[in-house]
Protein backbone atom coordinates (compact mmCIF):
# COMPACT_ATOMS: atom_id res chain seq x y z
CA MET A 1 -3.61 6.77 39.57
CA ASP A 2 -6.15 5.71 36.93
CA ASP A 3 -3.46 6.15 34.27
CA VAL A 4 -1.17 3.72 36.07
CA LEU A 5 -3.72 0.98 36.79
CA PRO A 6 -4.01 -0.32 33.19
CA ILE A 7 -0.23 -0.72 33.11
CA VAL A 8 -0.25 -2.64 36.41
CA ILE A 9 -3.12 -4.83 35.22
CA SER A 10 -1.19 -5.74 32.07
CA PHE A 11 1.25 -7.72 34.27
CA LEU A 12 -1.56 -9.97 35.51
CA PRO A 13 -2.67 -13.15 33.70
CA ALA A 14 -5.61 -12.18 31.50
CA HIS A 15 -8.24 -14.10 33.49
CA GLU A 16 -7.19 -12.25 36.67
CA ALA A 17 -7.08 -8.90 34.87
CA VAL A 18 -10.67 -9.39 33.70
CA ARG A 19 -11.78 -10.18 37.26
CA THR A 20 -10.70 -6.71 38.40
CA CYS A 21 -13.94 -5.42 36.87
CA VAL A 22 -15.84 -6.71 39.95
CA LEU A 23 -13.85 -4.48 42.34
CA SER A 24 -15.91 -1.39 41.59
CA PRO A 25 -17.76 0.22 38.66
CA ARG A 26 -14.77 2.40 37.77
CA TRP A 27 -12.54 -0.68 37.44
CA ARG A 28 -14.88 -2.26 34.90
CA HIS A 29 -12.99 -1.16 31.81
CA PHE A 30 -9.42 -0.87 33.10
CA TRP A 31 -8.43 -4.25 31.70
CA THR A 32 -9.67 -3.24 28.22
CA SER A 33 -7.14 -0.38 28.19
CA ALA A 34 -4.17 -2.38 29.50
CA PRO A 35 -1.22 -2.07 27.08
CA GLY A 36 -0.44 -5.79 27.42
CA LEU A 37 -2.24 -9.13 27.64
CA ARG A 38 -0.81 -12.27 29.28
CA ILE A 39 -2.93 -15.25 28.32
CA THR A 40 -2.21 -18.43 30.26
CA ALA A 41 -4.11 -21.69 30.63
CA VAL A 42 -3.79 -21.50 34.41
CA GLY A 43 -7.14 -20.82 36.04
CA ASP A 44 -10.56 -22.26 36.71
CA PHE A 45 -11.30 -23.11 33.09
CA GLY A 46 -11.74 -26.84 33.63
CA SER A 47 -11.40 -27.72 29.96
CA ALA A 48 -9.63 -26.62 26.81
CA ASP A 49 -12.97 -25.65 25.22
CA LYS A 50 -13.78 -23.21 28.04
CA PHE A 51 -10.30 -21.76 27.83
CA ASN A 52 -10.64 -21.25 24.07
CA GLN A 53 -14.04 -19.57 24.55
CA PHE A 54 -12.51 -17.20 27.08
CA VAL A 55 -9.64 -16.31 24.72
CA ASP A 56 -11.99 -15.72 21.78
CA ARG A 57 -14.21 -13.41 23.82
CA LEU A 58 -11.24 -11.60 25.35
CA LEU A 59 -9.66 -10.81 21.99
CA PHE A 60 -13.01 -9.86 20.47
CA LEU A 61 -13.52 -7.20 23.14
CA ARG A 62 -9.95 -5.92 22.82
CA ARG A 63 -10.30 -5.74 19.05
CA HIS A 64 -13.16 -3.29 19.56
CA SER A 65 -11.32 -1.24 22.19
CA ASP A 66 -10.00 2.24 21.41
CA CYS A 67 -6.76 1.55 23.33
CA PRO A 68 -3.80 0.15 21.36
CA LEU A 69 -2.41 -3.24 22.38
CA GLU A 70 1.37 -3.05 22.67
CA SER A 71 2.09 -6.69 23.58
CA CYS A 72 0.30 -10.01 23.81
CA GLU A 73 1.72 -13.21 25.31
CA PHE A 74 0.36 -16.77 25.10
CA ASP A 75 1.87 -19.20 27.61
CA LEU A 76 0.56 -22.76 27.29
CA ASP A 77 1.62 -25.78 29.31
CA ASP A 78 1.00 -29.46 28.57
CA ARG A 79 0.16 -29.97 32.24
CA GLU A 80 -3.08 -28.02 31.80
CA PHE A 81 -6.18 -29.96 30.69
CA GLY A 82 -4.12 -33.16 30.41
CA PHE A 83 -3.61 -34.32 26.86
CA ASN A 84 -6.51 -32.12 25.73
CA SER A 85 -3.95 -29.31 25.66
CA ILE A 86 -3.41 -30.35 22.03
CA SER A 87 -6.76 -28.88 21.00
CA SER A 88 -6.04 -25.77 23.06
CA PHE A 89 -2.68 -25.30 21.38
CA GLN A 90 -4.11 -25.85 17.91
CA HIS A 91 -6.89 -23.37 18.56
CA VAL A 92 -4.53 -20.72 19.91
CA TYR A 93 -2.06 -20.99 17.06
CA ARG A 94 -4.57 -21.21 14.25
CA TRP A 95 -7.14 -18.70 15.46
CA SER A 96 -6.06 -16.77 18.55
CA LEU A 97 -2.67 -15.57 17.31
CA GLN A 98 -4.24 -14.04 14.23
CA SER A 99 -7.03 -12.59 16.41
CA ALA A 100 -4.35 -10.92 18.54
CA LEU A 101 -2.75 -9.54 15.39
CA ASP A 102 -6.16 -8.18 14.38
CA CYS A 103 -5.96 -6.12 17.61
CA ASN A 104 -2.95 -4.37 15.98
CA VAL A 105 -0.57 -5.75 18.60
CA ARG A 106 3.06 -4.72 18.09
CA VAL A 107 4.87 -7.49 20.01
CA LEU A 108 3.53 -11.06 20.07
CA ARG A 109 4.89 -13.99 22.10
CA CYS A 110 3.74 -17.60 22.01
CA SER A 111 5.24 -20.34 24.18
CA PHE A 112 4.28 -23.97 24.63
CA THR A 113 5.95 -25.75 27.53
CA ASP A 114 6.31 -29.48 26.84
CA THR A 115 7.20 -31.18 30.14
CA ASN A 116 6.31 -34.76 29.20
CA PRO A 117 9.26 -36.53 27.54
CA ASN A 118 6.93 -39.23 26.20
CA PHE A 119 4.53 -36.75 24.63
CA ARG A 120 5.88 -35.19 21.44
CA MET A 121 2.97 -33.22 20.07
CA LEU A 122 4.64 -30.61 17.97
CA PRO A 123 6.27 -32.47 15.07
CA GLU A 124 3.49 -34.95 14.41
CA GLN A 125 0.09 -34.28 15.93
CA LEU A 126 -0.95 -30.98 14.38
CA SER A 127 -3.43 -32.09 11.75
CA GLU A 128 -2.95 -28.98 9.60
CA TYR A 129 0.15 -26.89 8.97
CA PRO A 130 -0.08 -23.36 10.41
CA GLU A 131 -0.99 -20.55 8.03
CA PRO A 132 1.33 -17.52 7.71
CA LEU A 133 0.61 -14.70 10.12
CA LEU A 134 -0.78 -11.42 8.75
CA SER A 135 -0.32 -8.00 10.37
CA GLN A 136 0.40 -4.44 9.31
CA HIS A 137 1.54 -3.50 12.85
CA LEU A 138 3.60 -6.42 14.22
CA THR A 139 7.24 -5.45 14.86
CA GLY A 140 8.39 -8.21 17.25
CA LEU A 141 7.61 -11.95 17.35
CA GLU A 142 8.85 -14.58 19.83
CA LEU A 143 8.00 -18.27 19.35
CA HIS A 144 8.97 -21.06 21.72
CA CYS A 145 8.45 -24.78 21.20
CA ILE A 146 5.83 -24.56 18.47
CA ARG A 147 5.41 -25.65 14.87
CA CYS A 148 5.29 -22.64 12.59
CA ALA A 149 5.31 -21.27 9.06
CA LEU A 150 8.24 -19.14 7.90
CA ASP A 151 6.48 -16.86 5.43
CA PHE A 152 6.36 -13.45 7.09
CA SER A 153 5.69 -11.44 3.93
CA GLY A 154 2.26 -10.64 5.39
CA CYS A 155 3.96 -8.76 8.27
CA PRO A 156 5.68 -5.87 6.40
CA VAL A 157 7.01 -4.06 9.51
CA LEU A 158 8.29 -7.11 11.42
CA VAL A 159 11.92 -6.42 12.40
CA ASP A 160 12.73 -8.79 15.29
CA LEU A 161 12.08 -12.56 15.28
CA LYS A 162 13.18 -15.01 17.97
CA MET A 163 12.56 -18.75 17.65
CA GLU A 164 13.55 -21.39 20.18
CA GLN A 165 12.88 -25.14 19.94
CA CYS A 166 10.50 -24.55 17.05
CA VAL A 167 9.71 -27.02 14.26
CA THR A 168 9.17 -26.11 10.62
CA HIS A 169 9.22 -27.94 7.31
CA ALA A 170 8.88 -24.77 5.26
CA ALA A 171 10.59 -24.64 1.88
CA GLU A 172 11.21 -20.90 2.17
CA MET A 173 11.83 -18.33 4.88
CA LEU A 174 10.63 -14.96 3.65
CA SER A 175 10.45 -11.48 5.15
CA PRO A 176 11.02 -8.16 3.37
CA SER A 177 11.53 -6.24 6.61
CA LEU A 178 13.20 -8.54 9.17
CA ARG A 179 16.41 -7.11 10.66
CA GLN A 180 17.18 -9.43 13.58
CA LEU A 181 16.74 -13.20 13.60
CA SER A 182 17.59 -15.63 16.40
CA MET A 183 17.05 -19.38 15.93
CA VAL A 184 18.06 -21.58 18.86
CA CYS A 185 17.61 -25.38 18.89
CA CYS A 186 15.11 -25.27 16.03
CA GLU A 187 14.29 -28.14 13.69
CA LEU A 188 14.04 -27.55 9.95
CA SER A 189 13.05 -29.92 7.19
CA MET A 190 14.96 -33.18 6.84
CA TRP A 191 14.12 -33.41 3.13
CA HIS A 192 15.00 -30.08 1.60
CA ARG A 193 16.99 -26.96 2.32
CA THR A 194 15.05 -23.88 3.33
CA GLN A 195 15.42 -21.04 0.84
CA VAL A 196 16.15 -17.84 2.80
CA THR A 197 15.02 -14.43 1.51
CA LEU A 198 15.75 -11.79 4.14
CA PRO A 199 17.11 -8.77 2.22
CA ASN A 200 17.17 -6.40 5.21
CA LEU A 201 18.59 -8.77 7.83
CA VAL A 202 21.27 -7.19 10.02
CA ARG A 203 21.80 -9.69 12.81
CA LEU A 204 21.58 -13.47 12.64
CA GLU A 205 22.05 -15.87 15.57
CA LEU A 206 21.97 -19.55 14.65
CA ILE A 207 22.61 -21.97 17.51
CA ASN A 208 22.26 -25.79 17.50
CA CYS A 209 19.65 -26.04 14.75
CA ALA A 210 18.83 -29.46 13.31
CA GLY A 211 17.31 -30.96 10.17
CA CYS A 212 18.87 -30.22 6.81
CA LEU A 213 21.29 -27.94 8.56
CA ASP A 214 23.14 -30.92 10.02
CA ASP A 215 26.72 -31.41 8.86
CA ASP A 216 26.20 -35.16 8.71
CA PRO A 217 23.21 -35.54 6.39
CA CYS A 218 21.89 -38.74 4.91
CA PHE A 219 23.22 -39.86 1.54
CA GLY A 220 20.23 -38.55 -0.39
CA CYS A 221 20.45 -35.13 1.26
CA HIS A 222 24.20 -35.06 0.75
CA PHE A 223 23.70 -35.74 -2.95
CA HIS A 224 21.15 -32.91 -3.09
CA PHE A 225 23.57 -30.52 -1.37
CA GLU A 226 26.33 -31.37 -3.81
CA PHE A 227 23.96 -30.86 -6.74
CA ILE A 228 22.96 -27.44 -5.44
CA ALA A 229 26.61 -26.47 -4.95
CA GLN A 230 27.52 -27.55 -8.47
CA ARG A 231 24.63 -25.56 -9.85
CA GLY A 232 26.00 -22.51 -8.05
CA SER A 233 22.93 -21.74 -5.96
CA SER A 234 23.39 -20.28 -2.48
CA TYR A 235 20.22 -20.98 -0.52
CA PHE A 236 21.23 -18.98 2.53
CA PHE A 237 23.53 -16.10 1.64
CA GLN A 238 21.70 -15.31 -1.58
CA GLY A 239 18.86 -14.03 0.58
CA LEU A 240 21.24 -11.69 2.41
CA SER A 241 22.99 -10.27 -0.65
CA ARG A 242 21.46 -6.80 -0.27
CA ALA A 243 22.48 -6.35 3.36
CA LYS A 244 24.58 -3.32 4.33
CA HIS A 245 25.41 -4.55 7.83
CA LEU A 246 25.61 -8.17 8.96
CA GLU A 247 26.24 -9.82 12.31
CA LEU A 248 26.47 -13.59 11.74
CA LEU A 249 26.65 -15.57 14.97
CA ALA A 250 26.63 -19.35 15.18
CA SER A 251 27.83 -22.12 17.43
CA TYR A 252 31.11 -23.60 16.26
CA ASN A 253 29.42 -26.86 15.22
CA ASP A 254 26.93 -24.97 13.04
CA ALA A 255 29.68 -23.44 10.89
CA PHE A 256 28.95 -26.04 8.22
CA ILE A 257 25.79 -24.12 7.27
CA PHE A 258 27.70 -20.99 6.34
CA GLN A 259 30.74 -22.74 4.90
CA ARG A 260 28.57 -24.81 2.59
CA ASP A 261 26.84 -21.77 1.09
CA LEU A 262 30.11 -19.86 0.70
CA LYS A 263 31.23 -22.53 -1.76
CA CYS A 264 28.62 -21.13 -4.15
CA ARG A 265 30.57 -17.84 -4.25
CA PRO A 266 27.81 -15.45 -3.08
CA THR A 267 28.50 -11.72 -3.44
CA PHE A 268 27.61 -8.85 -1.10
CA PRO A 269 27.80 -5.66 -3.18
CA MET A 270 26.21 -3.42 -0.52
CA LEU A 271 27.87 -4.80 2.61
CA LYS A 272 29.83 -2.23 4.66
CA THR A 273 30.24 -3.73 8.15
CA LEU A 274 30.50 -7.38 9.15
CA ILE A 275 30.63 -9.09 12.57
CA LEU A 276 31.54 -12.78 12.91
CA ASN A 277 32.20 -15.01 15.90
CA ASP A 278 34.19 -18.24 16.35
CA TRP A 279 32.61 -20.14 13.45
CA CYS A 280 34.71 -18.16 10.95
CA LEU A 281 37.86 -19.95 12.14
CA HIS A 282 37.23 -22.97 9.93
CA ALA A 283 39.62 -23.52 7.01
CA ASP A 284 42.15 -20.82 7.83
CA LEU A 285 39.66 -17.94 7.94
CA SER A 286 38.47 -18.69 4.40
CA ALA A 287 35.04 -17.30 5.29
CA VAL A 288 36.55 -13.97 6.38
CA ILE A 289 38.66 -13.76 3.25
CA HIS A 290 35.67 -14.61 1.08
CA PHE A 291 33.60 -11.76 2.51
CA ILE A 292 36.46 -9.32 1.96
CA GLN A 293 37.02 -10.64 -1.53
CA HIS A 294 33.37 -10.53 -2.61
CA SER A 295 32.18 -7.38 -0.80
CA PRO A 296 33.62 -4.43 -2.76
CA ASN A 297 32.24 -1.85 -0.31
CA LEU A 298 33.15 -3.64 2.92
CA GLU A 299 34.89 -1.22 5.28
CA LYS A 300 35.05 -2.96 8.65
CA VAL A 301 35.22 -6.57 9.82
CA THR A 302 34.87 -7.44 13.53
CA LEU A 303 35.89 -10.88 14.79
CA LYS A 304 34.56 -11.75 18.27
CA PHE A 305 36.24 -14.74 19.90
CA ALA A 306 35.09 -16.54 23.03
CA GLU A 307 37.30 -17.55 25.94
CA GLU A 308 36.83 -21.31 25.39
CA PHE A 309 39.29 -21.39 22.55
CA ASP A 310 42.77 -22.52 21.53
CA SER A 311 44.87 -22.14 18.40
CA SER A 312 43.88 -25.60 17.16
CA MET A 313 40.39 -24.25 16.46
CA VAL A 314 41.85 -22.31 13.53
CA THR A 315 41.44 -25.31 11.27
CA GLU A 316 43.36 -25.88 8.09
CA GLY A 317 41.66 -26.51 4.77
CA ASP A 318 42.24 -26.47 1.06
CA ASN A 319 41.11 -22.81 0.93
CA SER A 320 39.03 -23.58 -2.14
CA LEU A 321 37.15 -20.35 -1.55
CA LEU A 322 40.24 -18.29 -2.32
CA GLU A 323 41.09 -17.59 -5.93
CA GLY A 324 44.52 -16.07 -6.15
CA THR A 325 45.35 -12.55 -5.05
CA PHE A 326 42.78 -9.81 -4.61
CA SER A 327 42.61 -6.19 -3.56
CA SER A 328 41.58 -5.24 -0.04
CA ASP A 329 42.00 -1.49 -0.51
CA HIS A 330 38.34 -0.91 0.32
CA LEU A 331 38.80 -2.48 3.77
CA LYS A 332 39.63 0.09 6.45
CA MET A 333 39.77 -2.07 9.60
CA VAL A 334 39.78 -5.61 10.91
CA GLU A 335 38.91 -5.53 14.60
CA ILE A 336 39.66 -8.58 16.74
CA LYS A 337 37.92 -8.79 20.12
CA CYS A 338 39.31 -11.34 22.53
CA LEU A 339 40.10 -11.82 26.21
CA LYS A 340 43.74 -12.72 25.67
CA VAL A 341 46.33 -12.28 22.91
CA ASP A 342 47.85 -15.72 22.44
CA GLY A 343 48.98 -18.19 19.78
CA ARG A 344 45.61 -18.23 18.08
CA ILE A 345 45.75 -14.47 17.46
CA ASN A 346 49.26 -14.74 16.03
CA LYS A 347 48.05 -17.45 13.67
CA ILE A 348 45.15 -15.28 12.55
CA LEU A 349 47.49 -12.35 11.89
CA LYS A 350 49.73 -14.54 9.73
CA ILE A 351 46.76 -15.69 7.66
CA LEU A 352 45.50 -12.13 7.14
CA SER A 353 48.96 -10.94 6.17
CA ALA A 354 49.43 -13.83 3.73
CA CYS A 355 46.18 -12.80 2.02
CA GLY A 356 47.46 -9.27 1.45
CA ILE A 357 45.70 -7.52 4.32
CA SER A 358 48.01 -4.98 5.92
CA LEU A 359 48.49 -5.51 9.63
CA GLU A 360 48.23 -1.75 10.03
CA LYS A 361 44.50 -2.21 9.46
CA VAL A 362 44.20 -4.76 12.27
CA ASN A 363 43.09 -3.53 15.69
CA ILE A 364 43.18 -6.00 18.61
CA ARG A 365 40.95 -5.29 21.61
CA GLN A 366 41.17 -7.31 24.77
CA ALA A 367 37.59 -6.84 25.84
CA ASN A 368 34.51 -8.79 26.87
CA THR A 369 33.01 -10.25 23.68
CA SER A 370 29.50 -9.45 24.87
CA SER A 371 30.17 -5.74 24.57
């Protein structure tokens, strides 16, 4: 029973877990051996300062515990402490997150719930920009509705990063180890493109992100994009050039991000398997053809199409990415996953055939795209 109690306690908010020490002498240290911590601002703290003092003391004691900390979660809400939640949030992000990492935590989550539509703290009211996180043990990181740095070079074993409604003006996104990245409704810099260096990335999900990723930038940004393209610099795909397996998922409206970088003719010499969703249907599958053309070791391409789709989504373009004929002998299979074989699939088959890809290599599966 004593082996199970620390696990049960890890599901409690941290201030309640600590209170279990008053139940009996043998309960005194159960919370210090719990595999997880859930730190919330809900409780009898009364002020942000008292909350911050509690968090500091809590993490200090866990840092000196012999039991490893598997997960730590910070859940802050702007309804706690009134507008003084700003100081609480700043304290947690600047000091407490790194303190949790000093406890050798493996999975870290930080969420700030902003319920006041007239109170926009994150983009403007942090007086200092967050410092990069440092950890030799962190493998998973989830950030929600916070302003953050994108330099994860100080976390050499980080493999899974999820960001939702986050704000960053970082010039570079860097991680030598990251394998899975999900960015949903995030805001990047409006003034410069973020240089991406993620050599081991396998899966990328990019949904409804704003900033310099917009396909309708201001004139100055547009001029900058054109200059970069003419110079032949791929800010995004250059950082993925060493990948062996890639799953690139994006909302259809975010396709501009990938299409823009493909104009710089990036190459993928180590790529063997590739998974794309609906965004690749722009400009007569030019993105698909480009990957096949510039990935000499690519063996399998999987195209996953959603149900909300018609043949008109296979848009026509000037196919400027295609440069004459090319060999696709290295390609063993093009797998198409869809719910129904209709006019759109026939159009796709015609495009692949016209580019010299034998239809014998095409396998159509009527299956749920989530599988």
